[in-house]
Amino acid sequence: MKTEKEMLDHIRWDPKLHEGDWRIHYLDLGKLKEIKYADIKKTDEGLMLVDLDGKETAIPLHRIRKITRNGETVWQR
């Protein structure tokens, strides 16, 4: 199984995939939250830098619990 980072890189670099189809589900203070893949600005050193309400936020990759495409789970921890 691919790691979170490998999945995020695959979505970014595969020309057949559309960023708008993907959602990232992660834990934040014990609650599962969802962001659009397109909100991710960068992945680096175990973090994804995300634009949340106009503010850049660092989310550790180990908090990702699942990745979905058009509502279907493609990757899950």
PDB file of N, CA and C in Angstrom:
ATOM      1  N   MET A   1       0.843  -1.182   0.000  1.00  0.00           N
ATOM      2  CA  MET A   1       0.000   0.000   0.000  1.00  0.00           C
ATOM      3  C   MET A   1       0.890   1.249   0.000  1.00  0.00           C
ATOM      4  N   LYS A   2       0.458   2.257  -0.708  1.00  0.00           N
ATOM      5  CA  LYS A   2       1.199   3.512  -0.773  1.00  0.00           C
ATOM      6  C   LYS A   2       1.060   4.282   0.536  1.00  0.00           C
ATOM      7  N   THR A   3       2.051   5.121   0.810  1.00  0.00           N
ATOM      8  CA  THR A   3       1.980   6.006   1.969  1.00  0.00           C
ATOM      9  C   THR A   3       1.115   7.221   1.618  1.00  0.00           C
ATOM     10  N   GLU A   4       0.800   8.007   2.635  1.00  0.00           N
ATOM     11  CA  GLU A   4       0.032   9.241   2.410  1.00  0.00           C
ATOM     12  C   GLU A   4       0.756  10.136   1.408  1.00  0.00           C
ATOM     13  N   LYS A   5       2.058  10.309   1.599  1.00  0.00           N
ATOM     14  CA  LYS A   5       2.857  11.178   0.730  1.00  0.00           C
ATOM     15  C   LYS A   5       2.857  10.656  -0.699  1.00  0.00           C
ATOM     16  N   GLU A   6       3.016   9.352  -0.866  1.00  0.00           N
ATOM     17  CA  GLU A   6       3.009   8.769  -2.211  1.00  0.00           C
ATOM     18  C   GLU A   6       1.666   8.989  -2.899  1.00  0.00           C
ATOM     19  N   MET A   7       0.574   8.869  -2.155  1.00  0.00           N
ATOM     20  CA  MET A   7      -0.757   9.112  -2.732  1.00  0.00           C
ATOM     21  C   MET A   7      -0.910  10.568  -3.155  1.00  0.00           C
ATOM     22  N   LEU A   8      -0.501  11.494  -2.288  1.00  0.00           N
ATOM     23  CA  LEU A   8      -0.621  12.919  -2.611  1.00  0.00           C
ATOM     24  C   LEU A   8       0.225  13.268  -3.833  1.00  0.00           C
ATOM     25  N   ASP A   9       1.435  12.720  -3.904  1.00  0.00           N
ATOM     26  CA  ASP A   9       2.297  12.964  -5.066  1.00  0.00           C
ATOM     27  C   ASP A   9       1.697  12.363  -6.335  1.00  0.00           C
ATOM     28  N   HIS A  10       1.114  11.184  -6.226  1.00  0.00           N
ATOM     29  CA  HIS A  10       0.490  10.531  -7.383  1.00  0.00           C
ATOM     30  C   HIS A  10      -0.646  11.399  -7.941  1.00  0.00           C
ATOM     31  N   ILE A  11      -1.464  11.929  -7.051  1.00  0.00           N
ATOM     32  CA  ILE A  11      -2.569  12.793  -7.486  1.00  0.00           C
ATOM     33  C   ILE A  11      -2.015  14.033  -8.186  1.00  0.00           C
ATOM     34  N   ARG A  12      -0.963  14.607  -7.623  1.00  0.00           N
ATOM     35  CA  ARG A  12      -0.384  15.834  -8.186  1.00  0.00           C
ATOM     36  C   ARG A  12       0.240  15.599  -9.560  1.00  0.00           C
ATOM     37  N   TRP A  13       0.955  14.499  -9.737  1.00  0.00           N
ATOM     38  CA  TRP A  13       1.765  14.331 -10.938  1.00  0.00           C
ATOM     39  C   TRP A  13       1.142  13.475 -12.031  1.00  0.00           C
ATOM     40  N   ASP A  14       0.078  12.751 -11.759  1.00  0.00           N
ATOM     41  CA  ASP A  14      -0.550  11.928 -12.796  1.00  0.00           C
ATOM     42  C   ASP A  14      -1.469  12.816 -13.639  1.00  0.00           C
ATOM     43  N   PRO A  15      -1.146  13.015 -14.916  1.00  0.00           N
ATOM     44  CA  PRO A  15      -1.940  13.924 -15.749  1.00  0.00           C
ATOM     45  C   PRO A  15      -3.372  13.439 -16.001  1.00  0.00           C
ATOM     46  N   LYS A  16      -3.645  12.162 -15.743  1.00  0.00           N
ATOM     47  CA  LYS A  16      -4.995  11.630 -15.951  1.00  0.00           C
ATOM     48  C   LYS A  16      -5.924  11.935 -14.773  1.00  0.00           C
ATOM     49  N   LEU A  17      -5.362  12.377 -13.660  1.00  0.00           N
ATOM     50  CA  LEU A  17      -6.166  12.643 -12.467  1.00  0.00           C
ATOM     51  C   LEU A  17      -6.473  14.130 -12.355  1.00  0.00           C
ATOM     52  N   HIS A  18      -7.679  14.444 -11.923  1.00  0.00           N
ATOM     53  CA  HIS A  18      -8.107  15.834 -11.759  1.00  0.00           C
ATOM     54  C   HIS A  18      -8.160  16.166 -10.272  1.00  0.00           C
ATOM     55  N   GLU A  19      -7.426  17.201  -9.867  1.00  0.00           N
ATOM     56  CA  GLU A  19      -7.337  17.566  -8.450  1.00  0.00           C
ATOM     57  C   GLU A  19      -8.698  17.813  -7.820  1.00  0.00           C
ATOM     58  N   GLY A  20      -9.648  18.305  -8.578  1.00  0.00           N
ATOM     59  CA  GLY A  20     -10.967  18.625  -8.039  1.00  0.00           C
ATOM     60  C   GLY A  20     -11.791  17.421  -7.620  1.00  0.00           C
ATOM     61  N   ASP A  21     -11.381  16.226  -8.035  1.00  0.00           N
ATOM     62  CA  ASP A  21     -12.120  15.003  -7.700  1.00  0.00           C
ATOM     63  C   ASP A  21     -11.786  14.464  -6.311  1.00  0.00           C
ATOM     64  N   TRP A  22     -10.743  14.972  -5.690  1.00  0.00           N
ATOM     65  CA  TRP A  22     -10.163  14.361  -4.494  1.00  0.00           C
ATOM     66  C   TRP A  22     -10.447  15.143  -3.218  1.00  0.00           C
ATOM     67  N   ARG A  23     -10.631  14.392  -2.119  1.00  0.00           N
ATOM     68  CA  ARG A  23     -10.798  14.970  -0.782  1.00  0.00           C
ATOM     69  C   ARG A  23      -9.855  14.238   0.167  1.00  0.00           C
ATOM     70  N   ILE A  24      -9.311  14.986   1.106  1.00  0.00           N
ATOM     71  CA  ILE A  24      -8.411  14.441   2.115  1.00  0.00           C
ATOM     72  C   ILE A  24      -9.127  14.537   3.457  1.00  0.00           C
ATOM     73  N   HIS A  25      -9.194  13.436   4.169  1.00  0.00           N
ATOM     74  CA  HIS A  25      -9.870  13.374   5.469  1.00  0.00           C
ATOM     75  C   HIS A  25      -8.796  13.162   6.535  1.00  0.00           C
ATOM     76  N   TYR A  26      -8.760  14.046   7.526  1.00  0.00           N
ATOM     77  CA  TYR A  26      -7.707  13.985   8.532  1.00  0.00           C
ATOM     78  C   TYR A  26      -8.274  14.265   9.920  1.00  0.00           C
ATOM     79  N   LEU A  27      -7.531  13.833  10.934  1.00  0.00           N
ATOM     80  CA  LEU A  27      -7.943  14.067  12.316  1.00  0.00           C
ATOM     81  C   LEU A  27      -7.433  15.417  12.795  1.00  0.00           C
ATOM     82  N   ASP A  28      -8.329  16.174  13.430  1.00  0.00           N
ATOM     83  CA  ASP A  28      -7.972  17.451  14.041  1.00  0.00           C
ATOM     84  C   ASP A  28      -8.675  17.514  15.390  1.00  0.00           C
ATOM     85  N   LEU A  29      -7.898  17.460  16.454  1.00  0.00           N
ATOM     86  CA  LEU A  29      -8.445  17.462  17.818  1.00  0.00           C
ATOM     87  C   LEU A  29      -9.504  16.377  17.999  1.00  0.00           C
ATOM     88  N   GLY A  30      -9.219  15.196  17.452  1.00  0.00           N
ATOM     89  CA  GLY A  30     -10.099  14.044  17.621  1.00  0.00           C
ATOM     90  C   GLY A  30     -11.290  13.987  16.689  1.00  0.00           C
ATOM     91  N   LYS A  31     -11.464  15.000  15.845  1.00  0.00           N
ATOM     92  CA  LYS A  31     -12.586  15.017  14.901  1.00  0.00           C
ATOM     93  C   LYS A  31     -12.061  14.839  13.483  1.00  0.00           C
ATOM     94  N   LEU A  32     -12.808  14.087  12.681  1.00  0.00           N
ATOM     95  CA  LEU A  32     -12.442  13.888  11.291  1.00  0.00           C
ATOM     96  C   LEU A  32     -12.879  15.106  10.482  1.00  0.00           C
ATOM     97  N   LYS A  33     -11.919  15.733   9.805  1.00  0.00           N
ATOM     98  CA  LYS A  33     -12.209  16.895   8.965  1.00  0.00           C
ATOM     99  C   LYS A  33     -11.858  16.558   7.525  1.00  0.00           C
ATOM    100  N   GLU A  34     -12.418  17.340   6.612  1.00  0.00           N
ATOM    101  CA  GLU A  34     -12.229  17.095   5.179  1.00  0.00           C
ATOM    102  C   GLU A  34     -11.784  18.376   4.498  1.00  0.00           C
ATOM    103  N   ILE A  35     -10.806  18.242   3.604  1.00  0.00           N
ATOM    104  CA  ILE A  35     -10.390  19.364   2.773  1.00  0.00           C
ATOM    105  C   ILE A  35     -10.337  18.900   1.322  1.00  0.00           C
ATOM    106  N   LYS A  36     -10.416  19.855   0.412  1.00  0.00           N
ATOM    107  CA  LYS A  36     -10.244  19.557  -1.005  1.00  0.00           C
ATOM    108  C   LYS A  36      -8.749  19.407  -1.289  1.00  0.00           C
ATOM    109  N   TYR A  37      -8.415  18.476  -2.150  1.00  0.00           N
ATOM    110  CA  TYR A  37      -7.007  18.305  -2.508  1.00  0.00           C
ATOM    111  C   TYR A  37      -6.440  19.621  -3.043  1.00  0.00           C
ATOM    112  N   ALA A  38      -7.225  20.362  -3.784  1.00  0.00           N
ATOM    113  CA  ALA A  38      -6.764  21.612  -4.385  1.00  0.00           C
ATOM    114  C   ALA A  38      -6.337  22.646  -3.346  1.00  0.00           C
ATOM    115  N   ASP A  39      -6.763  22.481  -2.085  1.00  0.00           N
ATOM    116  CA  ASP A  39      -6.366  23.411  -1.022  1.00  0.00           C
ATOM    117  C   ASP A  39      -4.951  23.157  -0.518  1.00  0.00           C
ATOM    118  N   ILE A  40      -4.356  22.030  -0.907  1.00  0.00           N
ATOM    119  CA  ILE A  40      -2.990  21.720  -0.480  1.00  0.00           C
ATOM    120  C   ILE A  40      -2.021  22.516  -1.350  1.00  0.00           C
ATOM    121  N   LYS A  41      -1.207  23.322  -0.706  1.00  0.00           N
ATOM    122  CA  LYS A  41      -0.244  24.149  -1.433  1.00  0.00           C
ATOM    123  C   LYS A  41       1.088  23.432  -1.626  1.00  0.00           C
ATOM    124  N   LYS A  42       1.456  22.568  -0.639  1.00  0.00           N
ATOM    125  CA  LYS A  42       2.760  21.918  -0.694  1.00  0.00           C
ATOM    126  C   LYS A  42       2.783  20.765   0.300  1.00  0.00           C
ATOM    127  N   THR A  43       3.537  19.717  -0.023  1.00  0.00           N
ATOM    128  CA  THR A  43       3.812  18.665   0.955  1.00  0.00           C
ATOM    129  C   THR A  43       5.321  18.613   1.130  1.00  0.00           C
ATOM    130  N   ASP A  44       5.748  18.617   2.396  1.00  0.00           N
ATOM    131  CA  ASP A  44       7.179  18.666   2.666  1.00  0.00           C
ATOM    132  C   ASP A  44       7.456  18.213   4.091  1.00  0.00           C
ATOM    133  N   GLU A  45       8.490  17.410   4.267  1.00  0.00           N
ATOM    134  CA  GLU A  45       8.966  17.002   5.589  1.00  0.00           C
ATOM    135  C   GLU A  45       7.855  16.509   6.513  1.00  0.00           C
ATOM    136  N   GLY A  46       6.980  15.650   5.989  1.00  0.00           N
ATOM    137  CA  GLY A  46       5.929  15.072   6.815  1.00  0.00           C
ATOM    138  C   GLY A  46       4.742  15.974   7.069  1.00  0.00           C
ATOM    139  N   LEU A  47       4.654  17.084   6.342  1.00  0.00           N
ATOM    140  CA  LEU A  47       3.547  18.036   6.509  1.00  0.00           C
ATOM    141  C   LEU A  47       2.893  18.330   5.173  1.00  0.00           C
ATOM    142  N   MET A  48       1.612  18.687   5.232  1.00  0.00           N
ATOM    143  CA  MET A  48       0.976  19.290   4.062  1.00  0.00           C
ATOM    144  C   MET A  48       0.604  20.711   4.473  1.00  0.00           C
ATOM    145  N   LEU A  49       0.985  21.661   3.645  1.00  0.00           N
ATOM    146  CA  LEU A  49       0.635  23.053   3.884  1.00  0.00           C
ATOM    147  C   LEU A  49      -0.652  23.337   3.133  1.00  0.00           C
ATOM    148  N   VAL A  50      -1.660  23.783   3.890  1.00  0.00           N
ATOM    149  CA  VAL A  50      -3.014  23.899   3.371  1.00  0.00           C
ATOM    150  C   VAL A  50      -3.520  25.318   3.566  1.00  0.00           C
ATOM    151  N   ASP A  51      -4.280  25.805   2.589  1.00  0.00           N
ATOM    152  CA  ASP A  51      -4.936  27.104   2.704  1.00  0.00           C
ATOM    153  C   ASP A  51      -6.316  26.888   3.313  1.00  0.00           C
ATOM    154  N   LEU A  52      -6.469  27.241   4.588  1.00  0.00           N
ATOM    155  CA  LEU A  52      -7.752  27.132   5.283  1.00  0.00           C
ATOM    156  C   LEU A  52      -8.254  28.526   5.611  1.00  0.00           C
ATOM    157  N   ASP A  53      -9.320  28.936   4.961  1.00  0.00           N
ATOM    158  CA  ASP A  53      -9.913  30.255   5.187  1.00  0.00           C
ATOM    159  C   ASP A  53      -8.893  31.377   5.021  1.00  0.00           C
ATOM    160  N   GLY A  54      -8.045  31.264   3.995  1.00  0.00           N
ATOM    161  CA  GLY A  54      -7.073  32.305   3.708  1.00  0.00           C
ATOM    162  C   GLY A  54      -5.835  32.278   4.582  1.00  0.00           C
ATOM    163  N   LYS A  55      -5.714  31.280   5.437  1.00  0.00           N
ATOM    164  CA  LYS A  55      -4.563  31.170   6.332  1.00  0.00           C
ATOM    165  C   LYS A  55      -3.829  29.863   6.042  1.00  0.00           C
ATOM    166  N   GLU A  56      -2.503  29.952   5.870  1.00  0.00           N
ATOM    167  CA  GLU A  56      -1.722  28.744   5.619  1.00  0.00           C
ATOM    168  C   GLU A  56      -1.560  27.958   6.916  1.00  0.00           C
ATOM    169  N   THR A  57      -1.927  26.692   6.871  1.00  0.00           N
ATOM    170  CA  THR A  57      -1.893  25.819   8.039  1.00  0.00           C
ATOM    171  C   THR A  57      -1.092  24.572   7.704  1.00  0.00           C
ATOM    172  N   ALA A  58      -0.246  24.131   8.642  1.00  0.00           N
ATOM    173  CA  ALA A  58       0.537  22.904   8.470  1.00  0.00           C
ATOM    174  C   ALA A  58      -0.188  21.756   9.158  1.00  0.00           C
ATOM    175  N   ILE A  59      -0.457  20.701   8.404  1.00  0.00           N
ATOM    176  CA  ILE A  59      -1.120  19.510   8.941  1.00  0.00           C
ATOM    177  C   ILE A  59      -0.170  18.330   8.757  1.00  0.00           C
ATOM    178  N   PRO A  60       0.183  17.643   9.842  1.00  0.00           N
ATOM    179  CA  PRO A  60       1.063  16.479   9.716  1.00  0.00           C
ATOM    180  C   PRO A  60       0.413  15.379   8.867  1.00  0.00           C
ATOM    181  N   LEU A  61       1.205  14.777   7.999  1.00  0.00           N
ATOM    182  CA  LEU A  61       0.679  13.732   7.122  1.00  0.00           C
ATOM    183  C   LEU A  61       0.157  12.532   7.900  1.00  0.00           C
ATOM    184  N   HIS A  62       0.713  12.262   9.087  1.00  0.00           N
ATOM    185  CA  HIS A  62       0.250  11.100   9.852  1.00  0.00           C
ATOM    186  C   HIS A  62      -1.180  11.267  10.367  1.00  0.00           C
ATOM    187  N   ARG A  63      -1.732  12.475  10.265  1.00  0.00           N
ATOM    188  CA  ARG A  63      -3.128  12.691  10.672  1.00  0.00           C
ATOM    189  C   ARG A  63      -4.130  12.300   9.587  1.00  0.00           C
ATOM    190  N   ILE A  64      -3.655  12.097   8.356  1.00  0.00           N
ATOM    191  CA  ILE A  64      -4.551  11.707   7.266  1.00  0.00           C
ATOM    192  C   ILE A  64      -5.108  10.318   7.559  1.00  0.00           C
ATOM    193  N   ARG A  65      -6.425  10.187   7.485  1.00  0.00           N
ATOM    194  CA  ARG A  65      -7.071   8.902   7.739  1.00  0.00           C
ATOM    195  C   ARG A  65      -7.599   8.252   6.472  1.00  0.00           C
ATOM    196  N   LYS A  66      -8.022   9.082   5.500  1.00  0.00           N
ATOM    197  CA  LYS A  66      -8.442   8.498   4.222  1.00  0.00           C
ATOM    198  C   LYS A  66      -8.398   9.553   3.130  1.00  0.00           C
ATOM    199  N   ILE A  67      -8.336   9.046   1.899  1.00  0.00           N
ATOM    200  CA  ILE A  67      -8.343   9.882   0.704  1.00  0.00           C
ATOM    201  C   ILE A  67      -9.455   9.347  -0.180  1.00  0.00           C
ATOM    202  N   THR A  68     -10.339  10.249  -0.621  1.00  0.00           N
ATOM    203  CA  THR A  68     -11.465   9.828  -1.448  1.00  0.00           C
ATOM    204  C   THR A  68     -11.425  10.517  -2.807  1.00  0.00           C
ATOM    205  N   ARG A  69     -12.005   9.826  -3.777  1.00  0.00           N
ATOM    206  CA  ARG A  69     -12.154  10.378  -5.125  1.00  0.00           C
ATOM    207  C   ARG A  69     -13.625  10.278  -5.491  1.00  0.00           C
ATOM    208  N   ASN A  70     -14.255  11.410  -5.708  1.00  0.00           N
ATOM    209  CA  ASN A  70     -15.683  11.458  -6.033  1.00  0.00           C
ATOM    210  C   ASN A  70     -16.509  10.647  -5.037  1.00  0.00           C
ATOM    211  N   GLY A  71     -16.158  10.757  -3.763  1.00  0.00           N
ATOM    212  CA  GLY A  71     -16.910  10.101  -2.702  1.00  0.00           C
ATOM    213  C   GLY A  71     -16.525   8.662  -2.409  1.00  0.00           C
ATOM    214  N   GLU A  72     -15.667   8.072  -3.221  1.00  0.00           N
ATOM    215  CA  GLU A  72     -15.254   6.677  -3.029  1.00  0.00           C
ATOM    216  C   GLU A  72     -13.875   6.629  -2.361  1.00  0.00           C
ATOM    217  N   THR A  73     -13.747   5.837  -1.314  1.00  0.00           N
ATOM    218  CA  THR A  73     -12.476   5.716  -0.607  1.00  0.00           C
ATOM    219  C   THR A  73     -11.453   4.999  -1.483  1.00  0.00           C
ATOM    220  N   VAL A  74     -10.312   5.668  -1.693  1.00  0.00           N
ATOM    221  CA  VAL A  74      -9.233   5.124  -2.511  1.00  0.00           C
ATOM    222  C   VAL A  74      -8.070   4.675  -1.625  1.00  0.00           C
ATOM    223  N   TRP A  75      -7.864   5.376  -0.514  1.00  0.00           N
ATOM    224  CA  TRP A  75      -6.792   5.049   0.429  1.00  0.00           C
ATOM    225  C   TRP A  75      -7.330   5.254   1.833  1.00  0.00           C
ATOM    226  N   GLN A  76      -6.989   4.338   2.728  1.00  0.00           N
ATOM    227  CA  GLN A  76      -7.444   4.477   4.113  1.00  0.00           C
ATOM    228  C   GLN A  76      -6.416   3.867   5.048  1.00  0.00           C
ATOM    229  N   ARG A  77      -6.227   4.511   6.176  1.00  0.00           N
ATOM    230  CA  ARG A  77      -5.316   4.004   7.206  1.00  0.00           C
ATOM    231  C   ARG A  77      -6.059   3.019   8.060  1.00  0.00           C
TER     232      ARG A  77
END
